[in-house]
Amino acid sequence: MKILAIDIGAGTQDILLFDSEKEIENCTSLVLPTPSRVLAKRLRRIEGDLYIYGDTIGGGSISRAILDHLKKGYRVVMEESAAYSIRNDLDEVRSMGIEIGDHPSPGTFQEFKICEIDLPLLRHFLIQFGEDFNFDLIAVAVQDHGVAPRGVSDRTFRFDQMEAMLKKDNRPEFFHFTEHSIPDFYLRMKSSAQAVKRATSLPVLLMDTAFSAILGCVDDVDEPSLVVNIGNGHTIAALLIDRKIVGLYEHHTHRLTPEKLENHLRRFLRGELTRKEVFDDDGHGVITLMPYFGKVSIWVTGPNRALFKEIPLPFQYAAPGGNTMMTGPMGLIKAGLYTFQKTEDRIPP
């Protein structure tokens, strides 16, 4: 089985071309800048009024570039689908001075398209290196908070959905969607699926980056275990017992010090850390289905994993497939094999 796995984070997009007939170390892998950062650099070179259209993508860098463009005195009009990249609440987008609507006409607006999954571009690049770009499945991971009901924080809404999924089935392989099962409130995931389908008729699998990272580490861990993914934007930790997730913790990486992260993780394991405390600290939250007071193996991954070096806890770096940056793509591949080919092509740890 051949799977194209694309995991899009706040700093990088990590890509793996999995082929079950090859050793995993011989499968082509790429670590590229995340699309939002690339688009932001292009936008900053533009002067004049802008009409921005395209997909719902990760905000971050592109949002800051748009706000800086407004500060220069230029108008910015965004197509509705593109505007959801800035905020899930369009009234908030309008409050920033961004107009939402169709292409202004007549006018002198420059057009600027945003998308984060460009399969034709990736195909053109990879065929130069002998890849045939023929796959059985396209798997994509993005972080999607979901469109929360009015008056509900998107951080609260995100964890409400996580908790509901955990209580339904807490195997990490379960935390994915096929193209037809994505809930309507996950606009970025739906937009990602549509972007893939514009270029291919292949089946599409979607995951949240939090769960693709966790699943990517599962084969490396001893049980019970704590998996910690310290990303550029977010830090996610999962307590796994019998290969099932019994606790989740998520915070913004820039808000964490080694001391705070150690304190949070110790209390998280014991079930003492509350969701309100993490939320009030500008984090996402914590879910504890079952506290654990015994010994755990700690596995750490992510581009900011060096933060853990200053914590006096024994740990090992998780490197599925021998590559610490492929945690997300490996999780996507495991989910793909679980759903589309459950008993064959097992990925080696």
C-alpha atoms as a PDB file:
ATOM      1  CA  MET A   1       0.000   0.000   0.000  1.00  0.00           C
ATOM      2  CA  LYS A   2       1.218   3.514  -0.813  1.00  0.00           C
ATOM      3  CA  ILE A   3       0.143   6.511   1.277  1.00  0.00           C
ATOM      4  CA  LEU A   4       0.991  10.193   0.934  1.00  0.00           C
ATOM      5  CA  ALA A   5       0.965  11.644   4.476  1.00  0.00           C
ATOM      6  CA  ILE A   6       1.062  15.408   5.028  1.00  0.00           C
ATOM      7  CA  ASP A   7       1.162  16.785   8.588  1.00  0.00           C
ATOM      8  CA  ILE A   8       0.828  20.594   8.685  1.00  0.00           C
ATOM      9  CA  GLY A   9       2.015  22.282  11.857  1.00  0.00           C
ATOM     10  CA  ALA A  10       2.640  25.864  12.940  1.00  0.00           C
ATOM     11  CA  GLY A  11       6.272  25.849  11.781  1.00  0.00           C
ATOM     12  CA  THR A  12       6.680  23.030   9.285  1.00  0.00           C
ATOM     13  CA  GLN A  13       4.754  20.698   7.041  1.00  0.00           C
ATOM     14  CA  ASP A  14       6.124  17.179   7.350  1.00  0.00           C
ATOM     15  CA  ILE A  15       5.579  14.866   4.398  1.00  0.00           C
ATOM     16  CA  LEU A  16       6.148  11.125   4.047  1.00  0.00           C
ATOM     17  CA  LEU A  17       5.658   8.957   0.962  1.00  0.00           C
ATOM     18  CA  PHE A  18       4.953   5.577   2.542  1.00  0.00           C
ATOM     19  CA  ASP A  19       5.412   2.438   0.463  1.00  0.00           C
ATOM     20  CA  SER A  20       4.796  -0.884   2.220  1.00  0.00           C
ATOM     21  CA  GLU A  21       7.248  -2.587  -0.148  1.00  0.00           C
ATOM     22  CA  LYS A  22      10.137  -0.429   1.091  1.00  0.00           C
ATOM     23  CA  GLU A  23      11.951  -0.178   4.383  1.00  0.00           C
ATOM     24  CA  ILE A  24      10.554   2.876   6.131  1.00  0.00           C
ATOM     25  CA  GLU A  25      14.020   4.516   6.141  1.00  0.00           C
ATOM     26  CA  ASN A  26      14.019   4.358   2.325  1.00  0.00           C
ATOM     27  CA  CYS A  27      10.668   6.113   1.944  1.00  0.00           C
ATOM     28  CA  THR A  28      10.973   9.704   0.759  1.00  0.00           C
ATOM     29  CA  SER A  29      10.375  12.292   3.472  1.00  0.00           C
ATOM     30  CA  LEU A  30      10.346  16.084   3.453  1.00  0.00           C
ATOM     31  CA  VAL A  31      10.306  18.810   6.103  1.00  0.00           C
ATOM     32  CA  LEU A  32       9.201  22.091   4.542  1.00  0.00           C
ATOM     33  CA  PRO A  33       8.047  25.474   5.886  1.00  0.00           C
ATOM     34  CA  THR A  34       4.383  25.493   6.795  1.00  0.00           C
ATOM     35  CA  PRO A  35       2.247  27.028   4.004  1.00  0.00           C
ATOM     36  CA  SER A  36       1.011  29.902   6.178  1.00  0.00           C
ATOM     37  CA  ARG A  37       4.579  31.166   6.611  1.00  0.00           C
ATOM     38  CA  VAL A  38       5.334  30.878   2.903  1.00  0.00           C
ATOM     39  CA  LEU A  39       2.168  32.778   1.998  1.00  0.00           C
ATOM     40  CA  ALA A  40       2.878  35.438   4.619  1.00  0.00           C
ATOM     41  CA  LYS A  41       6.289  36.153   3.071  1.00  0.00           C
ATOM     42  CA  ARG A  42       4.689  36.557  -0.356  1.00  0.00           C
ATOM     43  CA  LEU A  43       1.963  38.820   0.981  1.00  0.00           C
ATOM     44  CA  ARG A  44       4.455  41.130   2.710  1.00  0.00           C
ATOM     45  CA  ARG A  45       6.020  41.909  -0.673  1.00  0.00           C
ATOM     46  CA  ILE A  46       2.704  43.238  -2.030  1.00  0.00           C
ATOM     47  CA  GLU A  47       1.661  46.873  -1.931  1.00  0.00           C
ATOM     48  CA  GLY A  48      -1.938  47.957  -2.579  1.00  0.00           C
ATOM     49  CA  ASP A  49      -5.473  46.775  -1.867  1.00  0.00           C
ATOM     50  CA  LEU A  50      -5.918  43.012  -1.719  1.00  0.00           C
ATOM     51  CA  TYR A  51      -8.608  40.480  -2.527  1.00  0.00           C
ATOM     52  CA  ILE A  52      -7.749  37.203  -0.786  1.00  0.00           C
ATOM     53  CA  TYR A  53      -9.525  34.024  -1.827  1.00  0.00           C
ATOM     54  CA  GLY A  54      -9.094  30.275  -1.552  1.00  0.00           C
ATOM     55  CA  ASP A  55      -9.193  27.679   1.193  1.00  0.00           C
ATOM     56  CA  THR A  56      -9.553  27.752   4.942  1.00  0.00           C
ATOM     57  CA  ILE A  57      -5.988  27.276   6.144  1.00  0.00           C
ATOM     58  CA  GLY A  58      -3.977  27.611   9.347  1.00  0.00           C
ATOM     59  CA  GLY A  59      -3.900  31.269  10.371  1.00  0.00           C
ATOM     60  CA  GLY A  60      -0.884  32.307  12.416  1.00  0.00           C
ATOM     61  CA  SER A  61       1.667  33.877  10.106  1.00  0.00           C
ATOM     62  CA  ILE A  62      -0.773  34.812   7.357  1.00  0.00           C
ATOM     63  CA  SER A  63      -3.087  36.505   9.870  1.00  0.00           C
ATOM     64  CA  ARG A  64      -0.272  38.695  11.167  1.00  0.00           C
ATOM     65  CA  ALA A  65       0.784  39.595   7.635  1.00  0.00           C
ATOM     66  CA  ILE A  66      -2.780  40.643   6.742  1.00  0.00           C
ATOM     67  CA  LEU A  67      -3.083  42.815   9.852  1.00  0.00           C
ATOM     68  CA  ASP A  68       0.232  44.484   9.006  1.00  0.00           C
ATOM     69  CA  HIS A  69      -1.098  45.117   5.485  1.00  0.00           C
ATOM     70  CA  LEU A  70      -4.143  46.848   6.957  1.00  0.00           C
ATOM     71  CA  LYS A  71      -1.885  49.028   9.126  1.00  0.00           C
ATOM     72  CA  LYS A  72      -0.291  50.346   5.936  1.00  0.00           C
ATOM     73  CA  GLY A  73      -3.681  51.807   5.031  1.00  0.00           C
ATOM     74  CA  TYR A  74      -4.663  49.254   2.387  1.00  0.00           C
ATOM     75  CA  ARG A  75      -8.042  47.561   2.103  1.00  0.00           C
ATOM     76  CA  VAL A  76      -8.290  43.786   2.436  1.00  0.00           C
ATOM     77  CA  VAL A  77     -11.346  41.913   1.171  1.00  0.00           C
ATOM     78  CA  MET A  78     -11.511  38.175   1.800  1.00  0.00           C
ATOM     79  CA  GLU A  79     -13.675  35.466   0.333  1.00  0.00           C
ATOM     80  CA  GLU A  80     -15.684  33.839   3.131  1.00  0.00           C
ATOM     81  CA  SER A  81     -13.866  30.495   2.929  1.00  0.00           C
ATOM     82  CA  ALA A  82     -10.499  32.256   3.163  1.00  0.00           C
ATOM     83  CA  ALA A  83     -11.673  34.530   5.992  1.00  0.00           C
ATOM     84  CA  TYR A  84     -12.265  31.534   8.248  1.00  0.00           C
ATOM     85  CA  SER A  85      -8.476  31.131   8.231  1.00  0.00           C
ATOM     86  CA  ILE A  86      -8.266  34.223  10.438  1.00  0.00           C
ATOM     87  CA  ARG A  87     -10.995  33.374  12.948  1.00  0.00           C
ATOM     88  CA  ASN A  88     -13.864  30.918  13.114  1.00  0.00           C
ATOM     89  CA  ASP A  89     -16.136  33.845  14.013  1.00  0.00           C
ATOM     90  CA  LEU A  90     -16.493  36.112  10.976  1.00  0.00           C
ATOM     91  CA  ASP A  91     -17.711  39.001  13.121  1.00  0.00           C
ATOM     92  CA  GLU A  92     -14.301  38.925  14.805  1.00  0.00           C
ATOM     93  CA  VAL A  93     -12.669  39.010  11.383  1.00  0.00           C
ATOM     94  CA  ARG A  94     -14.701  42.062  10.409  1.00  0.00           C
ATOM     95  CA  SER A  95     -13.803  43.756  13.697  1.00  0.00           C
ATOM     96  CA  MET A  96     -10.152  43.650  12.612  1.00  0.00           C
ATOM     97  CA  GLY A  97     -10.953  45.808   9.598  1.00  0.00           C
ATOM     98  CA  ILE A  98     -11.086  42.964   7.089  1.00  0.00           C
ATOM     99  CA  GLU A  99     -13.977  43.075   4.638  1.00  0.00           C
ATOM    100  CA  ILE A 100     -15.677  39.821   3.667  1.00  0.00           C
ATOM    101  CA  GLY A 101     -17.317  39.310   0.315  1.00  0.00           C
ATOM    102  CA  ASP A 102     -16.847  38.636  -3.372  1.00  0.00           C
ATOM    103  CA  HIS A 103     -14.187  40.176  -5.561  1.00  0.00           C
ATOM    104  CA  PRO A 104     -14.580  43.977  -5.557  1.00  0.00           C
ATOM    105  CA  SER A 105     -15.473  45.191  -9.022  1.00  0.00           C
ATOM    106  CA  PRO A 106     -14.532  47.535 -10.483  1.00  0.00           C
ATOM    107  CA  GLY A 107     -11.337  48.268  -8.600  1.00  0.00           C
ATOM    108  CA  THR A 108      -7.601  47.957  -8.453  1.00  0.00           C
ATOM    109  CA  PHE A 109      -7.457  45.068  -6.005  1.00  0.00           C
ATOM    110  CA  GLN A 110      -4.648  42.582  -6.444  1.00  0.00           C
ATOM    111  CA  GLU A 111      -5.691  38.947  -6.165  1.00  0.00           C
ATOM    112  CA  PHE A 112      -3.992  36.652  -3.653  1.00  0.00           C
ATOM    113  CA  LYS A 113      -4.865  32.963  -3.400  1.00  0.00           C
ATOM    114  CA  ILE A 114      -4.291  30.980  -0.227  1.00  0.00           C
ATOM    115  CA  CYS A 115      -4.146  27.201   0.066  1.00  0.00           C
ATOM    116  CA  GLU A 116      -2.099  24.813   2.187  1.00  0.00           C
ATOM    117  CA  ILE A 117      -2.418  21.604   0.174  1.00  0.00           C
ATOM    118  CA  ASP A 118      -1.107  21.954  -3.375  1.00  0.00           C
ATOM    119  CA  LEU A 119      -0.810  18.447  -4.794  1.00  0.00           C
ATOM    120  CA  PRO A 120       0.104  19.582  -8.354  1.00  0.00           C
ATOM    121  CA  LEU A 121       3.053  21.567  -6.945  1.00  0.00           C
ATOM    122  CA  LEU A 122       4.176  18.640  -4.783  1.00  0.00           C
ATOM    123  CA  ARG A 123       3.805  16.225  -7.713  1.00  0.00           C
ATOM    124  CA  HIS A 124       5.885  18.478  -9.973  1.00  0.00           C
ATOM    125  CA  PHE A 125       8.658  18.608  -7.372  1.00  0.00           C
ATOM    126  CA  LEU A 126       8.728  14.908  -6.536  1.00  0.00           C
ATOM    127  CA  ILE A 127       8.675  13.561 -10.084  1.00  0.00           C
ATOM    128  CA  GLN A 128      12.015  15.336 -10.569  1.00  0.00           C
ATOM    129  CA  PHE A 129      13.387  12.774  -8.088  1.00  0.00           C
ATOM    130  CA  GLY A 130      11.845   9.727  -9.711  1.00  0.00           C
ATOM    131  CA  GLU A 131       8.687   9.435  -7.593  1.00  0.00           C
ATOM    132  CA  ASP A 132       5.689   8.285  -9.643  1.00  0.00           C
ATOM    133  CA  PHE A 133       3.206  10.003  -7.295  1.00  0.00           C
ATOM    134  CA  ASN A 134       0.771   7.096  -7.448  1.00  0.00           C
ATOM    135  CA  PHE A 135      -0.908   6.432  -4.101  1.00  0.00           C
ATOM    136  CA  ASP A 136      -3.769   4.447  -2.619  1.00  0.00           C
ATOM    137  CA  LEU A 137      -4.605   7.101  -0.033  1.00  0.00           C
ATOM    138  CA  ILE A 138      -3.915  10.745   0.815  1.00  0.00           C
ATOM    139  CA  ALA A 139      -3.756  11.423   4.574  1.00  0.00           C
ATOM    140  CA  VAL A 140      -3.628  14.943   6.007  1.00  0.00           C
ATOM    141  CA  ALA A 141      -3.295  16.300   9.545  1.00  0.00           C
ATOM    142  CA  VAL A 142      -4.137  19.882  10.522  1.00  0.00           C
ATOM    143  CA  GLN A 143      -5.134  21.458  13.793  1.00  0.00           C
ATOM    144  CA  ASP A 144      -8.798  22.436  13.745  1.00  0.00           C
ATOM    145  CA  HIS A 145     -10.479  24.001  16.774  1.00  0.00           C
ATOM    146  CA  GLY A 146     -13.889  23.792  15.114  1.00  0.00           C
ATOM    147  CA  VAL A 147     -16.514  26.511  14.833  1.00  0.00           C
ATOM    148  CA  ALA A 148     -17.840  26.924  18.355  1.00  0.00           C
ATOM    149  CA  PRO A 149     -21.393  28.049  19.130  1.00  0.00           C
ATOM    150  CA  ARG A 150     -21.648  31.779  19.770  1.00  0.00           C
ATOM    151  CA  GLY A 151     -20.475  32.605  23.266  1.00  0.00           C
ATOM    152  CA  VAL A 152     -18.355  29.441  23.613  1.00  0.00           C
ATOM    153  CA  SER A 153     -14.554  29.652  23.458  1.00  0.00           C
ATOM    154  CA  ASP A 154     -13.045  27.686  20.614  1.00  0.00           C
ATOM    155  CA  ARG A 155     -10.556  26.250  23.122  1.00  0.00           C
ATOM    156  CA  THR A 156     -13.430  24.965  25.241  1.00  0.00           C
ATOM    157  CA  PHE A 157     -15.240  23.645  22.175  1.00  0.00           C
ATOM    158  CA  ARG A 158     -12.106  21.858  20.961  1.00  0.00           C
ATOM    159  CA  PHE A 159     -11.765  19.964  24.215  1.00  0.00           C
ATOM    160  CA  ASP A 160     -15.467  19.187  24.401  1.00  0.00           C
ATOM    161  CA  GLN A 161     -15.120  17.373  21.070  1.00  0.00           C
ATOM    162  CA  MET A 162     -11.952  15.581  22.193  1.00  0.00           C
ATOM    163  CA  GLU A 163     -13.642  14.388  25.359  1.00  0.00           C
ATOM    164  CA  ALA A 164     -16.652  13.102  23.433  1.00  0.00           C
ATOM    165  CA  MET A 165     -14.384  11.119  21.100  1.00  0.00           C
ATOM    166  CA  LEU A 166     -12.340   9.742  23.999  1.00  0.00           C
ATOM    167  CA  LYS A 167     -15.448   8.484  25.743  1.00  0.00           C
ATOM    168  CA  LYS A 168     -16.674   6.872  22.534  1.00  0.00           C
ATOM    169  CA  ASP A 169     -13.457   5.009  21.687  1.00  0.00           C
ATOM    170  CA  ASN A 170     -10.091   5.920  23.204  1.00  0.00           C
ATOM    171  CA  ARG A 171      -7.850   3.928  20.888  1.00  0.00           C
ATOM    172  CA  PRO A 172      -5.576   6.470  19.154  1.00  0.00           C
ATOM    173  CA  GLU A 173      -6.301   4.824  15.772  1.00  0.00           C
ATOM    174  CA  PHE A 174      -9.927   5.934  16.168  1.00  0.00           C
ATOM    175  CA  PHE A 175      -9.184   9.667  16.104  1.00  0.00           C
ATOM    176  CA  HIS A 176      -9.521  10.309  12.396  1.00  0.00           C
ATOM    177  CA  PHE A 177     -12.132  11.055   9.766  1.00  0.00           C
ATOM    178  CA  THR A 178     -12.680   9.954   6.208  1.00  0.00           C
ATOM    179  CA  GLU A 179     -13.677  12.637   3.728  1.00  0.00           C
ATOM    180  CA  HIS A 180     -17.408  11.953   4.212  1.00  0.00           C
ATOM    181  CA  SER A 181     -17.367  11.756   8.013  1.00  0.00           C
ATOM    182  CA  ILE A 182     -15.800  15.135   8.862  1.00  0.00           C
ATOM    183  CA  PRO A 183     -18.196  17.097  11.112  1.00  0.00           C
ATOM    184  CA  ASP A 184     -19.438  20.336   9.560  1.00  0.00           C
ATOM    185  CA  PHE A 185     -17.870  22.441  12.324  1.00  0.00           C
ATOM    186  CA  TYR A 186     -14.343  21.366  11.313  1.00  0.00           C
ATOM    187  CA  LEU A 187     -14.002  23.870   8.472  1.00  0.00           C
ATOM    188  CA  ARG A 188     -10.252  23.529   8.023  1.00  0.00           C
ATOM    189  CA  MET A 189     -10.398  19.741   7.781  1.00  0.00           C
ATOM    190  CA  LYS A 190     -13.256  19.929   5.275  1.00  0.00           C
ATOM    191  CA  SER A 191     -11.353  22.524   3.253  1.00  0.00           C
ATOM    192  CA  SER A 192      -8.257  20.283   3.285  1.00  0.00           C
ATOM    193  CA  ALA A 193     -10.293  17.352   1.981  1.00  0.00           C
ATOM    194  CA  GLN A 194     -11.751  19.526  -0.769  1.00  0.00           C
ATOM    195  CA  ALA A 195      -8.282  20.730  -1.749  1.00  0.00           C
ATOM    196  CA  VAL A 196      -7.131  17.126  -2.156  1.00  0.00           C
ATOM    197  CA  LYS A 197     -10.241  16.180  -4.143  1.00  0.00           C
ATOM    198  CA  ARG A 198      -9.618  19.018  -6.594  1.00  0.00           C
ATOM    199  CA  ALA A 199      -6.510  17.152  -7.713  1.00  0.00           C
ATOM    200  CA  THR A 200      -7.388  13.473  -7.284  1.00  0.00           C
ATOM    201  CA  SER A 201     -10.215  10.996  -6.835  1.00  0.00           C
ATOM    202  CA  LEU A 202      -8.269   9.017  -4.229  1.00  0.00           C
ATOM    203  CA  PRO A 203      -9.768   8.493  -0.764  1.00  0.00           C
ATOM    204  CA  VAL A 204      -8.793  11.071   1.854  1.00  0.00           C
ATOM    205  CA  LEU A 205      -8.182  10.640   5.575  1.00  0.00           C
ATOM    206  CA  LEU A 206      -8.045  13.587   8.012  1.00  0.00           C
ATOM    207  CA  MET A 207      -6.658  13.861  11.549  1.00  0.00           C
ATOM    208  CA  ASP A 208      -5.981  16.565  14.071  1.00  0.00           C
ATOM    209  CA  THR A 209      -2.239  17.066  14.458  1.00  0.00           C
ATOM    210  CA  ALA A 210      -2.512  16.347  18.196  1.00  0.00           C
ATOM    211  CA  PHE A 211      -3.651  12.798  17.546  1.00  0.00           C
ATOM    212  CA  SER A 212      -1.442  12.100  14.537  1.00  0.00           C
ATOM    213  CA  ALA A 213       1.584  12.833  16.755  1.00  0.00           C
ATOM    214  CA  ILE A 214       0.316  10.605  19.560  1.00  0.00           C
ATOM    215  CA  LEU A 215      -0.472   7.722  17.229  1.00  0.00           C
ATOM    216  CA  GLY A 216       2.900   8.130  15.534  1.00  0.00           C
ATOM    217  CA  CYS A 217       4.638   7.397  18.847  1.00  0.00           C
ATOM    218  CA  VAL A 218       2.542   4.416  19.939  1.00  0.00           C
ATOM    219  CA  ASP A 219       4.822   1.694  18.577  1.00  0.00           C
ATOM    220  CA  ASP A 220       7.796   3.199  20.391  1.00  0.00           C
ATOM    221  CA  VAL A 221       6.287   3.279  23.869  1.00  0.00           C
ATOM    222  CA  ASP A 222       6.271   0.903  26.787  1.00  0.00           C
ATOM    223  CA  GLU A 223       3.059   0.798  28.795  1.00  0.00           C
ATOM    224  CA  PRO A 224       1.969   2.681  30.810  1.00  0.00           C
ATOM    225  CA  SER A 225       3.463   5.688  29.054  1.00  0.00           C
ATOM    226  CA  LEU A 226       3.295   9.437  28.679  1.00  0.00           C
ATOM    227  CA  VAL A 227       3.757  10.806  25.155  1.00  0.00           C
ATOM    228  CA  VAL A 228       4.678  14.498  24.985  1.00  0.00           C
ATOM    229  CA  ASN A 229       4.774  16.353  21.658  1.00  0.00           C
ATOM    230  CA  ILE A 230       6.316  19.816  22.063  1.00  0.00           C
ATOM    231  CA  GLY A 231       5.424  21.570  18.842  1.00  0.00           C
ATOM    232  CA  ASN A 232       6.052  25.077  17.548  1.00  0.00           C
ATOM    233  CA  GLY A 233       2.559  26.218  18.451  1.00  0.00           C
ATOM    234  CA  HIS A 234       1.139  23.685  20.872  1.00  0.00           C
ATOM    235  CA  THR A 235       2.300  21.087  23.370  1.00  0.00           C
ATOM    236  CA  ILE A 236       0.157  17.962  23.659  1.00  0.00           C
ATOM    237  CA  ALA A 237       0.609  15.170  26.191  1.00  0.00           C
ATOM    238  CA  ALA A 238      -1.253  11.864  26.322  1.00  0.00           C
ATOM    239  CA  LEU A 239      -1.315   9.209  29.011  1.00  0.00           C
ATOM    240  CA  LEU A 240      -1.601   5.768  27.425  1.00  0.00           C
ATOM    241  CA  ILE A 241      -2.431   2.576  29.278  1.00  0.00           C
ATOM    242  CA  ASP A 242      -2.900  -0.671  27.326  1.00  0.00           C
ATOM    243  CA  ARG A 243      -2.411   1.392  24.131  1.00  0.00           C
ATOM    244  CA  LYS A 244      -5.476   3.481  24.943  1.00  0.00           C
ATOM    245  CA  ILE A 245      -5.603   7.204  25.702  1.00  0.00           C
ATOM    246  CA  VAL A 246      -6.813   7.776  29.263  1.00  0.00           C
ATOM    247  CA  GLY A 247      -5.730  11.401  29.570  1.00  0.00           C
ATOM    248  CA  LEU A 248      -4.960  14.434  27.398  1.00  0.00           C
ATOM    249  CA  TYR A 249      -3.257  17.749  28.092  1.00  0.00           C
ATOM    250  CA  GLU A 250      -2.751  20.625  25.638  1.00  0.00           C
ATOM    251  CA  HIS A 251      -1.183  24.051  26.090  1.00  0.00           C
ATOM    252  CA  HIS A 252       0.458  26.743  23.994  1.00  0.00           C
ATOM    253  CA  THR A 253       4.193  26.047  23.851  1.00  0.00           C
ATOM    254  CA  HIS A 254       5.182  29.698  24.189  1.00  0.00           C
ATOM    255  CA  ARG A 255       3.380  29.830  27.559  1.00  0.00           C
ATOM    256  CA  LEU A 256       5.383  26.962  29.011  1.00  0.00           C
ATOM    257  CA  THR A 257       8.618  26.971  30.978  1.00  0.00           C
ATOM    258  CA  PRO A 258      10.355  23.734  31.990  1.00  0.00           C
ATOM    259  CA  GLU A 259       9.162  24.292  35.554  1.00  0.00           C
ATOM    260  CA  LYS A 260       5.547  24.856  34.567  1.00  0.00           C
ATOM    261  CA  LEU A 261       5.479  21.906  32.166  1.00  0.00           C
ATOM    262  CA  GLU A 262       6.924  19.577  34.811  1.00  0.00           C
ATOM    263  CA  ASN A 263       4.380  20.757  37.376  1.00  0.00           C
ATOM    264  CA  HIS A 264       1.507  20.372  34.949  1.00  0.00           C
ATOM    265  CA  LEU A 265       2.531  16.901  33.798  1.00  0.00           C
ATOM    266  CA  ARG A 266       3.048  15.514  37.288  1.00  0.00           C
ATOM    267  CA  ARG A 267      -0.363  16.773  38.393  1.00  0.00           C
ATOM    268  CA  PHE A 268      -1.961  15.716  35.102  1.00  0.00           C
ATOM    269  CA  LEU A 269      -0.891  12.112  35.657  1.00  0.00           C
ATOM    270  CA  ARG A 270      -2.381  12.102  39.144  1.00  0.00           C
ATOM    271  CA  GLY A 271      -5.635  13.685  37.970  1.00  0.00           C
ATOM    272  CA  GLU A 272      -4.999  16.828  40.033  1.00  0.00           C
ATOM    273  CA  LEU A 273      -4.653  19.343  37.177  1.00  0.00           C
ATOM    274  CA  THR A 274      -7.974  20.900  36.230  1.00  0.00           C
ATOM    275  CA  ARG A 275      -9.212  21.925  32.842  1.00  0.00           C
ATOM    276  CA  LYS A 276     -10.081  25.381  34.211  1.00  0.00           C
ATOM    277  CA  GLU A 277      -6.526  25.957  35.445  1.00  0.00           C
ATOM    278  CA  VAL A 278      -5.039  25.163  32.043  1.00  0.00           C
ATOM    279  CA  PHE A 279      -7.686  27.218  30.237  1.00  0.00           C
ATOM    280  CA  ASP A 280      -7.171  30.225  32.523  1.00  0.00           C
ATOM    281  CA  ASP A 281      -3.436  30.017  31.774  1.00  0.00           C
ATOM    282  CA  ASP A 282      -4.235  30.512  28.051  1.00  0.00           C
ATOM    283  CA  GLY A 283      -3.976  26.801  27.349  1.00  0.00           C
ATOM    284  CA  HIS A 284      -6.527  24.473  25.834  1.00  0.00           C
ATOM    285  CA  GLY A 285      -7.342  22.090  28.636  1.00  0.00           C
ATOM    286  CA  VAL A 286      -6.909  18.721  30.246  1.00  0.00           C
ATOM    287  CA  ILE A 287      -9.002  15.553  30.216  1.00  0.00           C
ATOM    288  CA  THR A 288      -8.420  12.751  32.710  1.00  0.00           C
ATOM    289  CA  LEU A 289     -10.424   9.571  32.252  1.00  0.00           C
ATOM    290  CA  MET A 290      -8.258   7.660  34.717  1.00  0.00           C
ATOM    291  CA  PRO A 291      -5.532   9.062  37.016  1.00  0.00           C
ATOM    292  CA  TYR A 292      -2.334   7.071  37.305  1.00  0.00           C
ATOM    293  CA  PHE A 293       0.021   6.943  40.299  1.00  0.00           C
ATOM    294  CA  GLY A 294       2.527   4.348  39.106  1.00  0.00           C
ATOM    295  CA  LYS A 295       5.678   4.547  37.035  1.00  0.00           C
ATOM    296  CA  VAL A 296       5.387   5.710  33.434  1.00  0.00           C
ATOM    297  CA  SER A 297       7.793   5.712  30.500  1.00  0.00           C
ATOM    298  CA  ILE A 298       8.033   9.201  29.024  1.00  0.00           C
ATOM    299  CA  TRP A 299       8.485   9.657  25.291  1.00  0.00           C
ATOM    300  CA  VAL A 300       9.141  13.141  23.931  1.00  0.00           C
ATOM    301  CA  THR A 301       8.962  14.390  20.363  1.00  0.00           C
ATOM    302  CA  GLY A 302       8.378  17.630  18.447  1.00  0.00           C
ATOM    303  CA  PRO A 303      10.570  20.472  17.146  1.00  0.00           C
ATOM    304  CA  ASN A 304      10.814  22.083  20.615  1.00  0.00           C
ATOM    305  CA  ARG A 305      11.595  18.830  22.458  1.00  0.00           C
ATOM    306  CA  ALA A 306      14.791  20.379  23.868  1.00  0.00           C
ATOM    307  CA  LEU A 307      12.533  22.077  26.443  1.00  0.00           C
ATOM    308  CA  PHE A 308      12.316  18.712  28.191  1.00  0.00           C
ATOM    309  CA  LYS A 309      16.077  18.557  28.766  1.00  0.00           C
ATOM    310  CA  GLU A 310      15.646  21.000  31.637  1.00  0.00           C
ATOM    311  CA  ILE A 311      13.023  18.860  33.372  1.00  0.00           C
ATOM    312  CA  PRO A 312      14.330  16.387  35.988  1.00  0.00           C
ATOM    313  CA  LEU A 313      12.318  13.455  34.672  1.00  0.00           C
ATOM    314  CA  PRO A 314      13.733  10.412  32.832  1.00  0.00           C
ATOM    315  CA  PHE A 315      12.610  10.378  29.196  1.00  0.00           C
ATOM    316  CA  GLN A 316      13.477   9.135  25.729  1.00  0.00           C
ATOM    317  CA  TYR A 317      13.040  10.808  22.382  1.00  0.00           C
ATOM    318  CA  ALA A 318      10.415   9.181  20.178  1.00  0.00           C
ATOM    319  CA  ALA A 319      11.599   8.723  16.610  1.00  0.00           C
ATOM    320  CA  PRO A 320       9.142   6.545  14.676  1.00  0.00           C
ATOM    321  CA  GLY A 321      10.775   5.327  11.514  1.00  0.00           C
ATOM    322  CA  GLY A 322      14.050   6.751  12.846  1.00  0.00           C
ATOM    323  CA  ASN A 323      12.981  10.376  12.323  1.00  0.00           C
ATOM    324  CA  THR A 324      11.730  12.666  15.089  1.00  0.00           C
ATOM    325  CA  MET A 325      10.053  14.973  12.561  1.00  0.00           C
ATOM    326  CA  MET A 326       7.967  12.175  11.056  1.00  0.00           C
ATOM    327  CA  THR A 327       5.846  11.546  14.159  1.00  0.00           C
ATOM    328  CA  GLY A 328       2.756  13.129  12.597  1.00  0.00           C
ATOM    329  CA  PRO A 329       3.039  11.473   9.186  1.00  0.00           C
ATOM    330  CA  MET A 330       3.662   8.082  10.809  1.00  0.00           C
ATOM    331  CA  GLY A 331       0.494   8.535  12.835  1.00  0.00           C
ATOM    332  CA  LEU A 332      -1.421   9.316   9.655  1.00  0.00           C
ATOM    333  CA  ILE A 333      -0.073   6.196   7.997  1.00  0.00           C
ATOM    334  CA  LYS A 334      -1.047   4.015  10.953  1.00  0.00           C
ATOM    335  CA  ALA A 335      -4.556   5.451  10.884  1.00  0.00           C
ATOM    336  CA  GLY A 336      -4.720   4.846   7.141  1.00  0.00           C
ATOM    337  CA  LEU A 337      -3.636   1.235   7.453  1.00  0.00           C
ATOM    338  CA  TYR A 338      -6.036   0.727  10.378  1.00  0.00           C
ATOM    339  CA  THR A 339      -8.978   1.922   8.289  1.00  0.00           C
ATOM    340  CA  PHE A 340      -8.135   0.816   4.773  1.00  0.00           C
ATOM    341  CA  GLN A 341      -5.893  -2.205   5.273  1.00  0.00           C
ATOM    342  CA  LYS A 342      -6.052  -3.305   8.886  1.00  0.00           C
ATOM    343  CA  THR A 343      -4.204  -6.608   8.802  1.00  0.00           C
ATOM    344  CA  GLU A 344      -1.423  -6.054   6.275  1.00  0.00           C
ATOM    345  CA  ASP A 345       1.625  -3.851   5.787  1.00  0.00           C
ATOM    346  CA  ARG A 346       2.388  -3.345   9.452  1.00  0.00           C
ATOM    347  CA  ILE A 347       4.758  -0.426   9.993  1.00  0.00           C
ATOM    348  CA  PRO A 348       7.919  -1.371  11.903  1.00  0.00           C
ATOM    349  CA  PRO A 349       8.625   0.630  15.082  1.00  0.00           C
END
